[in-house]
Amino acid sequence: MTDNEKKSLCEKAIQAAQNSYSPYSNFKVGAALLCDDGSVVLGCNIENASYSATTCAERVAIQTAISNNKKSFKAMAIAGGKDTVGENICSPCGVCRQVLAEFCNPETFLILLAKDGGYEEYTLSQLLPYGFTKDNL
């Protein structure tokens, strides 16, 4: 991916955050998932009064992609914030990292954390060392 492609994916994540349903935390999160076919699937966090029923933006994006028969992924950009989306980085929670590990190659899958018109870049394995995968079974 070029730097411009990465920035574009980050912008899509920031836009996705605007669809967030977060009346309790007021913390909006958006995710933009780049599929191997070049398509981009968006997700936003969806809160619930019963907090455990809340769904993170990253899981919304991956589950939407899977439900639309997309099963191969290159990268995900994530943007979030309470006051201003993208002002600071927003890293995926542990559950989202584990879900990504189910469907993505931890060594090659890129995670872009959008911040102030730029991003920080990691592989999934950097954010989830020693992740539990099918290889552990």
N, C-alpha and C. Protein backbone atom coordinates (compact mmCIF):
# COMPACT_ATOMS: atom_id res chain seq x y z
N MET A 1 0.84 -1.19 0.00
CA MET A 1 0.00 0.00 0.00
C MET A 1 0.88 1.25 0.00
N THR A 2 0.47 2.24 -0.78
CA THR A 2 1.18 3.50 -0.78
C THR A 2 0.74 4.35 0.41
N ASP A 3 1.51 5.36 0.71
CA ASP A 3 1.16 6.27 1.79
C ASP A 3 -0.19 6.94 1.52
N ASN A 4 -0.45 7.31 0.27
CA ASN A 4 -1.73 7.94 -0.08
C ASN A 4 -2.90 6.97 0.12
N GLU A 5 -2.70 5.70 -0.23
CA GLU A 5 -3.75 4.69 -0.02
C GLU A 5 -4.02 4.50 1.48
N LYS A 6 -2.96 4.52 2.26
CA LYS A 6 -3.12 4.38 3.72
C LYS A 6 -3.86 5.57 4.30
N LYS A 7 -3.51 6.78 3.85
CA LYS A 7 -4.19 7.98 4.33
C LYS A 7 -5.66 7.98 3.92
N SER A 8 -5.94 7.52 2.71
CA SER A 8 -7.33 7.43 2.25
C SER A 8 -8.14 6.45 3.11
N LEU A 9 -7.52 5.32 3.46
CA LEU A 9 -8.21 4.35 4.33
C LEU A 9 -8.47 4.97 5.69
N CYS A 10 -7.53 5.74 6.21
CA CYS A 10 -7.71 6.42 7.50
C CYS A 10 -8.85 7.44 7.42
N GLU A 11 -8.93 8.16 6.32
CA GLU A 11 -10.03 9.13 6.14
C GLU A 11 -11.38 8.43 6.14
N LYS A 12 -11.44 7.24 5.54
CA LYS A 12 -12.69 6.47 5.52
C LYS A 12 -13.06 6.02 6.93
N ALA A 13 -12.07 5.67 7.73
CA ALA A 13 -12.34 5.29 9.12
C ALA A 13 -12.89 6.47 9.91
N ILE A 14 -12.33 7.65 9.68
CA ILE A 14 -12.81 8.86 10.36
C ILE A 14 -14.25 9.14 9.95
N GLN A 15 -14.55 8.99 8.67
CA GLN A 15 -15.92 9.19 8.19
C GLN A 15 -16.87 8.16 8.79
N ALA A 16 -16.43 6.91 8.89
CA ALA A 16 -17.27 5.85 9.46
C ALA A 16 -17.63 6.14 10.91
N ALA A 17 -16.73 6.77 11.63
CA ALA A 17 -16.98 7.10 13.03
C ALA A 17 -18.18 8.03 13.19
N GLN A 18 -18.49 8.79 12.16
CA GLN A 18 -19.62 9.72 12.24
C GLN A 18 -20.95 8.97 12.33
N ASN A 19 -20.96 7.69 11.96
CA ASN A 19 -22.18 6.88 12.06
C ASN A 19 -22.30 6.17 13.40
N SER A 20 -21.34 6.38 14.27
CA SER A 20 -21.32 5.73 15.58
C SER A 20 -22.60 5.96 16.36
N TYR A 21 -23.05 4.91 17.02
CA TYR A 21 -24.15 5.04 17.99
C TYR A 21 -23.51 4.87 19.36
N SER A 22 -23.18 5.99 19.98
CA SER A 22 -22.44 5.95 21.25
C SER A 22 -23.02 6.95 22.25
N PRO A 23 -24.31 6.80 22.62
CA PRO A 23 -24.93 7.77 23.52
C PRO A 23 -24.45 7.68 24.97
N TYR A 24 -23.79 6.60 25.34
CA TYR A 24 -23.38 6.42 26.74
C TYR A 24 -21.96 6.90 26.98
N SER A 25 -21.05 6.51 26.11
CA SER A 25 -19.65 6.91 26.29
C SER A 25 -19.32 8.18 25.52
N ASN A 26 -20.10 8.48 24.48
CA ASN A 26 -19.79 9.58 23.57
C ASN A 26 -18.41 9.41 22.93
N PHE A 27 -17.95 8.18 22.85
CA PHE A 27 -16.66 7.85 22.23
C PHE A 27 -16.95 7.19 20.89
N LYS A 28 -16.73 7.93 19.82
CA LYS A 28 -17.03 7.44 18.47
C LYS A 28 -15.82 6.71 17.91
N VAL A 29 -16.08 5.57 17.27
CA VAL A 29 -15.01 4.81 16.63
C VAL A 29 -15.48 4.38 15.24
N GLY A 30 -14.58 4.50 14.28
CA GLY A 30 -14.84 4.03 12.93
C GLY A 30 -13.71 3.13 12.48
N ALA A 31 -14.05 2.17 11.64
CA ALA A 31 -13.06 1.26 11.08
C ALA A 31 -13.31 1.13 9.58
N ALA A 32 -12.22 1.06 8.83
CA ALA A 32 -12.28 0.84 7.40
C ALA A 32 -11.40 -0.37 7.08
N LEU A 33 -12.02 -1.43 6.61
CA LEU A 33 -11.36 -2.70 6.35
C LEU A 33 -11.10 -2.84 4.85
N LEU A 34 -9.83 -2.94 4.48
CA LEU A 34 -9.45 -3.13 3.08
C LEU A 34 -9.39 -4.62 2.77
N CYS A 35 -10.25 -5.04 1.84
CA CYS A 35 -10.29 -6.43 1.42
C CYS A 35 -9.27 -6.65 0.30
N ASP A 36 -8.87 -7.90 0.11
CA ASP A 36 -7.89 -8.23 -0.93
C ASP A 36 -8.37 -7.85 -2.33
N ASP A 37 -9.70 -7.81 -2.54
CA ASP A 37 -10.22 -7.44 -3.86
C ASP A 37 -10.25 -5.93 -4.08
N GLY A 38 -9.76 -5.16 -3.10
CA GLY A 38 -9.71 -3.70 -3.22
C GLY A 38 -10.91 -2.98 -2.65
N SER A 39 -11.95 -3.70 -2.31
CA SER A 39 -13.12 -3.06 -1.72
C SER A 39 -12.84 -2.69 -0.26
N VAL A 40 -13.60 -1.75 0.25
CA VAL A 40 -13.46 -1.29 1.63
C VAL A 40 -14.80 -1.45 2.33
N VAL A 41 -14.77 -2.10 3.48
CA VAL A 41 -15.97 -2.30 4.30
C VAL A 41 -15.82 -1.44 5.54
N LEU A 42 -16.85 -0.65 5.84
CA LEU A 42 -16.81 0.25 6.98
C LEU A 42 -17.56 -0.33 8.18
N GLY A 43 -17.17 0.11 9.35
CA GLY A 43 -17.87 -0.25 10.58
C GLY A 43 -17.77 0.89 11.57
N CYS A 44 -18.73 0.96 12.47
CA CYS A 44 -18.69 1.94 13.56
C CYS A 44 -19.11 1.24 14.84
N ASN A 45 -18.74 1.81 15.98
CA ASN A 45 -19.16 1.20 17.24
C ASN A 45 -20.64 1.43 17.45
N ILE A 46 -21.28 0.43 18.05
CA ILE A 46 -22.71 0.47 18.32
C ILE A 46 -22.90 0.08 19.77
N GLU A 47 -23.21 1.08 20.61
CA GLU A 47 -23.35 0.82 22.05
C GLU A 47 -24.75 0.31 22.37
N ASN A 48 -24.86 -0.19 23.59
CA ASN A 48 -26.12 -0.70 24.10
C ASN A 48 -26.18 -0.36 25.58
N ALA A 49 -27.37 -0.11 26.08
CA ALA A 49 -27.53 0.19 27.50
C ALA A 49 -26.96 -0.94 28.37
N SER A 50 -27.04 -2.17 27.87
CA SER A 50 -26.38 -3.30 28.50
C SER A 50 -24.98 -3.36 27.89
N TYR A 51 -24.00 -2.78 28.56
CA TYR A 51 -22.68 -2.56 27.96
C TYR A 51 -22.09 -3.79 27.29
N SER A 52 -22.32 -4.97 27.82
CA SER A 52 -21.71 -6.16 27.21
C SER A 52 -22.28 -6.45 25.82
N ALA A 53 -23.41 -5.85 25.47
CA ALA A 53 -23.99 -6.04 24.14
C ALA A 53 -23.44 -5.04 23.13
N THR A 54 -22.56 -4.16 23.56
CA THR A 54 -21.93 -3.18 22.67
C THR A 54 -21.02 -3.91 21.68
N THR A 55 -20.97 -3.39 20.45
CA THR A 55 -20.10 -3.97 19.43
C THR A 55 -19.13 -2.91 18.93
N CYS A 56 -17.87 -3.28 18.89
CA CYS A 56 -16.82 -2.36 18.44
C CYS A 56 -16.84 -2.20 16.93
N ALA A 57 -16.34 -1.07 16.46
CA ALA A 57 -16.30 -0.76 15.03
C ALA A 57 -15.53 -1.82 14.24
N GLU A 58 -14.43 -2.29 14.79
CA GLU A 58 -13.60 -3.26 14.10
C GLU A 58 -14.38 -4.56 13.85
N ARG A 59 -15.12 -5.01 14.85
CA ARG A 59 -15.89 -6.24 14.69
C ARG A 59 -17.07 -6.03 13.76
N VAL A 60 -17.69 -4.85 13.78
CA VAL A 60 -18.77 -4.57 12.84
C VAL A 60 -18.24 -4.68 11.41
N ALA A 61 -17.07 -4.09 11.14
CA ALA A 61 -16.50 -4.14 9.80
C ALA A 61 -16.17 -5.57 9.38
N ILE A 62 -15.51 -6.31 10.22
CA ILE A 62 -15.11 -7.68 9.84
C ILE A 62 -16.33 -8.57 9.69
N GLN A 63 -17.32 -8.44 10.56
CA GLN A 63 -18.52 -9.27 10.46
C GLN A 63 -19.36 -8.90 9.24
N THR A 64 -19.40 -7.62 8.90
CA THR A 64 -20.11 -7.20 7.69
C THR A 64 -19.42 -7.78 6.47
N ALA A 65 -18.09 -7.72 6.44
CA ALA A 65 -17.34 -8.27 5.31
C ALA A 65 -17.60 -9.77 5.18
N ILE A 66 -17.48 -10.50 6.26
CA ILE A 66 -17.68 -11.95 6.23
C ILE A 66 -19.10 -12.28 5.77
N SER A 67 -20.08 -11.53 6.27
CA SER A 67 -21.47 -11.81 5.89
C SER A 67 -21.74 -11.48 4.43
N ASN A 68 -20.84 -10.72 3.80
CA ASN A 68 -20.95 -10.42 2.37
C ASN A 68 -19.95 -11.22 1.55
N ASN A 69 -19.53 -12.36 2.10
CA ASN A 69 -18.67 -13.33 1.43
C ASN A 69 -17.27 -12.80 1.10
N LYS A 70 -16.79 -11.87 1.88
CA LYS A 70 -15.40 -11.39 1.74
C LYS A 70 -14.62 -12.03 2.88
N LYS A 71 -13.54 -12.71 2.52
CA LYS A 71 -12.83 -13.48 3.54
C LYS A 71 -11.33 -13.29 3.53
N SER A 72 -10.86 -12.32 2.74
CA SER A 72 -9.42 -12.11 2.64
C SER A 72 -9.15 -10.61 2.75
N PHE A 73 -8.26 -10.24 3.68
CA PHE A 73 -8.10 -8.84 4.05
C PHE A 73 -6.63 -8.42 4.09
N LYS A 74 -6.40 -7.13 3.76
CA LYS A 74 -5.05 -6.57 3.74
C LYS A 74 -4.76 -5.67 4.93
N ALA A 75 -5.73 -4.82 5.27
CA ALA A 75 -5.45 -3.78 6.27
C ALA A 75 -6.75 -3.25 6.86
N MET A 76 -6.60 -2.59 8.00
CA MET A 76 -7.72 -1.89 8.63
C MET A 76 -7.21 -0.58 9.20
N ALA A 77 -7.96 0.47 8.94
CA ALA A 77 -7.69 1.76 9.58
C ALA A 77 -8.73 1.96 10.67
N ILE A 78 -8.31 2.52 11.78
CA ILE A 78 -9.19 2.74 12.93
C ILE A 78 -9.03 4.18 13.39
N ALA A 79 -10.16 4.83 13.64
CA ALA A 79 -10.14 6.20 14.15
C ALA A 79 -11.20 6.32 15.23
N GLY A 80 -10.87 7.05 16.29
CA GLY A 80 -11.84 7.21 17.35
C GLY A 80 -11.50 8.38 18.24
N GLY A 81 -12.46 8.72 19.07
CA GLY A 81 -12.23 9.78 20.02
C GLY A 81 -13.51 10.24 20.68
N LYS A 82 -13.35 10.83 21.85
CA LYS A 82 -14.50 11.33 22.59
C LYS A 82 -14.87 12.72 22.14
N ASP A 83 -13.91 13.58 22.00
CA ASP A 83 -14.19 14.95 21.60
C ASP A 83 -13.98 15.14 20.10
N THR A 84 -12.83 14.71 19.62
CA THR A 84 -12.49 14.85 18.21
C THR A 84 -11.95 13.52 17.71
N VAL A 85 -12.62 12.94 16.73
CA VAL A 85 -12.16 11.68 16.16
C VAL A 85 -10.84 11.92 15.44
N GLY A 86 -9.83 11.12 15.76
CA GLY A 86 -8.54 11.22 15.12
C GLY A 86 -7.57 12.16 15.81
N GLU A 87 -8.00 12.81 16.88
CA GLU A 87 -7.09 13.69 17.59
C GLU A 87 -5.95 12.89 18.22
N ASN A 88 -6.29 11.74 18.75
CA ASN A 88 -5.31 10.80 19.31
C ASN A 88 -5.57 9.43 18.69
N ILE A 89 -4.58 8.55 18.76
CA ILE A 89 -4.80 7.22 18.20
C ILE A 89 -5.83 6.46 19.03
N CYS A 90 -6.50 5.54 18.38
CA CYS A 90 -7.48 4.68 19.01
C CYS A 90 -7.12 3.25 18.61
N SER A 91 -6.60 2.51 19.53
CA SER A 91 -6.12 1.15 19.27
C SER A 91 -7.24 0.14 19.51
N PRO A 92 -7.29 -0.95 18.75
CA PRO A 92 -8.35 -1.94 18.95
C PRO A 92 -8.23 -2.64 20.30
N CYS A 93 -9.38 -2.97 20.87
CA CYS A 93 -9.39 -3.69 22.15
C CYS A 93 -8.90 -5.12 21.94
N GLY A 94 -8.69 -5.82 23.01
CA GLY A 94 -8.19 -7.19 22.93
C GLY A 94 -9.13 -8.14 22.20
N VAL A 95 -10.43 -7.98 22.41
CA VAL A 95 -11.39 -8.86 21.73
C VAL A 95 -11.31 -8.64 20.23
N CYS A 96 -11.24 -7.38 19.80
CA CYS A 96 -11.14 -7.10 18.37
C CYS A 96 -9.84 -7.64 17.78
N ARG A 97 -8.75 -7.54 18.52
CA ARG A 97 -7.48 -8.09 18.04
C ARG A 97 -7.61 -9.60 17.84
N GLN A 98 -8.28 -10.26 18.77
CA GLN A 98 -8.47 -11.71 18.67
C GLN A 98 -9.36 -12.06 17.48
N VAL A 99 -10.42 -11.30 17.25
CA VAL A 99 -11.30 -11.54 16.10
C VAL A 99 -10.52 -11.35 14.80
N LEU A 100 -9.72 -10.29 14.72
CA LEU A 100 -8.91 -10.08 13.52
C LEU A 100 -7.95 -11.25 13.29
N ALA A 101 -7.40 -11.80 14.37
CA ALA A 101 -6.48 -12.92 14.25
C ALA A 101 -7.16 -14.17 13.67
N GLU A 102 -8.45 -14.26 13.83
CA GLU A 102 -9.20 -15.39 13.27
C GLU A 102 -9.24 -15.33 11.74
N PHE A 103 -9.27 -14.12 11.20
CA PHE A 103 -9.51 -13.95 9.77
C PHE A 103 -8.34 -13.34 8.99
N CYS A 104 -7.31 -12.88 9.67
CA CYS A 104 -6.22 -12.17 9.00
C CYS A 104 -4.88 -12.79 9.36
N ASN A 105 -3.93 -12.66 8.46
CA ASN A 105 -2.58 -13.14 8.73
C ASN A 105 -1.91 -12.13 9.66
N PRO A 106 -1.61 -12.50 10.89
CA PRO A 106 -1.05 -11.55 11.85
C PRO A 106 0.28 -10.92 11.41
N GLU A 107 1.04 -11.63 10.57
CA GLU A 107 2.35 -11.13 10.15
C GLU A 107 2.25 -10.08 9.05
N THR A 108 1.19 -10.13 8.24
CA THR A 108 1.09 -9.22 7.09
C THR A 108 -0.06 -8.24 7.18
N PHE A 109 -1.06 -8.51 7.99
CA PHE A 109 -2.22 -7.63 8.09
C PHE A 109 -1.82 -6.32 8.79
N LEU A 110 -2.07 -5.20 8.12
CA LEU A 110 -1.70 -3.89 8.66
C LEU A 110 -2.85 -3.26 9.42
N ILE A 111 -2.51 -2.64 10.53
CA ILE A 111 -3.47 -1.85 11.30
C ILE A 111 -2.95 -0.43 11.34
N LEU A 112 -3.76 0.47 10.81
CA LEU A 112 -3.41 1.89 10.75
C LEU A 112 -4.24 2.64 11.78
N LEU A 113 -3.59 3.29 12.70
CA LEU A 113 -4.27 4.05 13.75
C LEU A 113 -4.23 5.52 13.35
N ALA A 114 -5.38 6.02 12.89
CA ALA A 114 -5.46 7.38 12.36
C ALA A 114 -5.23 8.41 13.45
N LYS A 115 -4.45 9.45 13.09
CA LYS A 115 -4.15 10.50 14.06
C LYS A 115 -3.76 11.78 13.33
N ASP A 116 -4.52 12.85 13.56
CA ASP A 116 -4.16 14.19 13.07
C ASP A 116 -3.68 14.21 11.62
N GLY A 117 -4.45 13.64 10.71
CA GLY A 117 -4.08 13.66 9.31
C GLY A 117 -3.01 12.66 8.93
N GLY A 118 -2.52 11.90 9.88
CA GLY A 118 -1.52 10.88 9.63
C GLY A 118 -1.97 9.56 10.24
N TYR A 119 -1.02 8.72 10.56
CA TYR A 119 -1.36 7.43 11.16
C TYR A 119 -0.12 6.80 11.76
N GLU A 120 -0.35 5.86 12.66
CA GLU A 120 0.69 4.97 13.15
C GLU A 120 0.39 3.61 12.55
N GLU A 121 1.40 2.89 12.15
CA GLU A 121 1.23 1.63 11.43
C GLU A 121 1.82 0.47 12.22
N TYR A 122 1.05 -0.61 12.32
CA TYR A 122 1.47 -1.82 13.01
C TYR A 122 1.00 -3.04 12.23
N THR A 123 1.65 -4.16 12.45
CA THR A 123 1.08 -5.42 11.99
C THR A 123 0.22 -5.95 13.14
N LEU A 124 -0.70 -6.83 12.82
CA LEU A 124 -1.53 -7.42 13.87
C LEU A 124 -0.66 -8.16 14.88
N SER A 125 0.39 -8.82 14.42
CA SER A 125 1.25 -9.56 15.37
C SER A 125 1.96 -8.62 16.34
N GLN A 126 2.21 -7.37 15.94
CA GLN A 126 2.81 -6.41 16.87
C GLN A 126 1.82 -6.02 17.96
N LEU A 127 0.53 -5.96 17.61
CA LEU A 127 -0.48 -5.58 18.60
C LEU A 127 -1.03 -6.78 19.37
N LEU A 128 -0.80 -7.97 18.84
CA LEU A 128 -1.29 -9.18 19.51
C LEU A 128 -0.20 -10.26 19.47
N PRO A 129 0.88 -10.04 20.23
CA PRO A 129 1.91 -11.08 20.26
C PRO A 129 1.37 -12.32 20.97
N TYR A 130 1.74 -13.46 20.47
CA TYR A 130 1.31 -14.74 21.06
C TYR A 130 -0.21 -14.89 21.02
N GLY A 131 -0.84 -14.37 19.97
CA GLY A 131 -2.30 -14.51 19.82
C GLY A 131 -2.71 -15.97 19.73
N PHE A 132 -3.90 -16.28 20.15
CA PHE A 132 -4.44 -17.63 20.09
C PHE A 132 -5.14 -17.81 18.75
N THR A 133 -4.65 -18.75 17.94
CA THR A 133 -5.23 -18.97 16.62
C THR A 133 -5.50 -20.46 16.43
N LYS A 134 -6.02 -20.79 15.24
CA LYS A 134 -6.29 -22.19 14.91
C LYS A 134 -5.03 -23.04 15.01
N ASP A 135 -3.87 -22.42 14.83
CA ASP A 135 -2.62 -23.16 14.94
C ASP A 135 -2.35 -23.65 16.36
N ASN A 136 -3.04 -23.08 17.33
CA ASN A 136 -2.87 -23.50 18.73
C ASN A 136 -3.75 -24.71 19.08
N LEU A 137 -4.68 -25.04 18.19
CA LEU A 137 -5.61 -26.15 18.46
C LEU A 137 -5.05 -27.48 18.04
